[in-house]
Amino acid sequence: MTSIEELSSEMILALLLSLHVLIGVVGAIVAYYKGRSLKQWLLIGIACGTPALLVALVMKRETTA
């Protein structure tokens, strides 16, 4: 197994960016299941990552009247 010291800075950056996008996509999925726009939240999630996931987790489900 490769240790973190053996990874190049480009590999570390790619890993962090991938995790950022993955967390953002999870946030978008959570927001979608709470009644929000998937397209809008995909953009928010990819741009904001972890904060978008946290906001999606705490926001209330949108109700239809």
C-alpha atoms as a PDB file:
ATOM      1  CA  MET A   1       0.000   0.000   0.000  1.00  0.00           C
ATOM      2  CA  THR A   2       1.238   3.492  -0.826  1.00  0.00           C
ATOM      3  CA  SER A   3       1.851   5.867   2.055  1.00  0.00           C
ATOM      4  CA  ILE A   4       0.792   9.507   1.880  1.00  0.00           C
ATOM      5  CA  GLU A   5       4.426  10.608   1.728  1.00  0.00           C
ATOM      6  CA  GLU A   6       4.896   8.745  -1.555  1.00  0.00           C
ATOM      7  CA  LEU A   7       2.063  10.544  -3.347  1.00  0.00           C
ATOM      8  CA  SER A   8       2.869  13.484  -5.577  1.00  0.00           C
ATOM      9  CA  SER A   9       1.254  16.850  -4.959  1.00  0.00           C
ATOM     10  CA  GLU A  10      -0.781  16.398  -8.161  1.00  0.00           C
ATOM     11  CA  MET A  11      -2.156  13.088  -6.884  1.00  0.00           C
ATOM     12  CA  ILE A  12      -3.059  14.603  -3.520  1.00  0.00           C
ATOM     13  CA  LEU A  13      -4.791  17.532  -5.237  1.00  0.00           C
ATOM     14  CA  ALA A  14      -6.725  15.148  -7.508  1.00  0.00           C
ATOM     15  CA  LEU A  15      -7.781  13.056  -4.498  1.00  0.00           C
ATOM     16  CA  LEU A  16      -8.953  16.103  -2.540  1.00  0.00           C
ATOM     17  CA  LEU A  17     -10.829  17.492  -5.546  1.00  0.00           C
ATOM     18  CA  SER A  18     -12.500  14.127  -6.139  1.00  0.00           C
ATOM     19  CA  LEU A  19     -13.602  13.934  -2.505  1.00  0.00           C
ATOM     20  CA  HIS A  20     -14.875  17.527  -2.680  1.00  0.00           C
ATOM     21  CA  VAL A  21     -17.009  16.726  -5.735  1.00  0.00           C
ATOM     22  CA  LEU A  22     -18.235  13.428  -4.254  1.00  0.00           C
ATOM     23  CA  ILE A  23     -19.342  15.140  -1.043  1.00  0.00           C
ATOM     24  CA  GLY A  24     -21.060  17.832  -3.109  1.00  0.00           C
ATOM     25  CA  VAL A  25     -22.930  15.244  -5.170  1.00  0.00           C
ATOM     26  CA  VAL A  26     -24.077  13.522  -1.971  1.00  0.00           C
ATOM     27  CA  GLY A  27     -25.323  16.908  -0.755  1.00  0.00           C
ATOM     28  CA  ALA A  28     -27.222  17.387  -4.016  1.00  0.00           C
ATOM     29  CA  ILE A  29     -28.854  13.976  -3.653  1.00  0.00           C
ATOM     30  CA  VAL A  30     -29.916  14.769  -0.079  1.00  0.00           C
ATOM     31  CA  ALA A  31     -31.360  18.112  -1.200  1.00  0.00           C
ATOM     32  CA  TYR A  32     -33.185  16.414  -4.081  1.00  0.00           C
ATOM     33  CA  TYR A  33     -34.836  13.942  -1.700  1.00  0.00           C
ATOM     34  CA  LYS A  34     -35.928  16.918   0.380  1.00  0.00           C
ATOM     35  CA  GLY A  35     -37.762  18.394  -2.623  1.00  0.00           C
ATOM     36  CA  ARG A  36     -35.126  20.760  -4.029  1.00  0.00           C
ATOM     37  CA  SER A  37     -33.902  21.119  -7.624  1.00  0.00           C
ATOM     38  CA  LEU A  38     -31.273  18.516  -8.501  1.00  0.00           C
ATOM     39  CA  LYS A  39     -29.602  20.687 -11.174  1.00  0.00           C
ATOM     40  CA  GLN A  40     -29.334  23.678  -8.851  1.00  0.00           C
ATOM     41  CA  TRP A  41     -27.990  21.618  -5.990  1.00  0.00           C
ATOM     42  CA  LEU A  42     -25.483  19.793  -8.205  1.00  0.00           C
ATOM     43  CA  LEU A  43     -23.978  23.175  -9.059  1.00  0.00           C
ATOM     44  CA  ILE A  44     -24.044  24.264  -5.426  1.00  0.00           C
ATOM     45  CA  GLY A  45     -22.626  20.927  -4.291  1.00  0.00           C
ATOM     46  CA  ILE A  46     -19.762  20.887  -6.768  1.00  0.00           C
ATOM     47  CA  ALA A  47     -18.883  24.495  -5.970  1.00  0.00           C
ATOM     48  CA  CYS A  48     -19.206  24.265  -2.186  1.00  0.00           C
ATOM     49  CA  GLY A  49     -18.602  20.610  -1.289  1.00  0.00           C
ATOM     50  CA  THR A  50     -18.865  19.937   2.448  1.00  0.00           C
ATOM     51  CA  PRO A  51     -20.797  23.121   3.356  1.00  0.00           C
ATOM     52  CA  ALA A  52     -23.429  22.214   0.748  1.00  0.00           C
ATOM     53  CA  LEU A  53     -23.812  18.767   2.284  1.00  0.00           C
ATOM     54  CA  LEU A  54     -24.183  20.241   5.757  1.00  0.00           C
ATOM     55  CA  VAL A  55     -26.816  22.731   4.583  1.00  0.00           C
ATOM     56  CA  ALA A  56     -28.705  19.983   2.745  1.00  0.00           C
ATOM     57  CA  LEU A  57     -28.705  17.823   5.854  1.00  0.00           C
ATOM     58  CA  VAL A  58     -30.169  20.497   8.124  1.00  0.00           C
ATOM     59  CA  MET A  59     -32.715  22.093   5.781  1.00  0.00           C
ATOM     60  CA  LYS A  60     -36.361  21.144   6.061  1.00  0.00           C
ATOM     61  CA  ARG A  61     -38.185  19.067   3.500  1.00  0.00           C
ATOM     62  CA  GLU A  62     -40.023  21.287   1.015  1.00  0.00           C
ATOM     63  CA  THR A  63     -43.760  20.777   1.187  1.00  0.00           C
ATOM     64  CA  THR A  64     -46.137  21.097  -1.750  1.00  0.00           C
ATOM     65  CA  ALA A  65     -49.315  23.016  -1.154  1.00  0.00           C
END
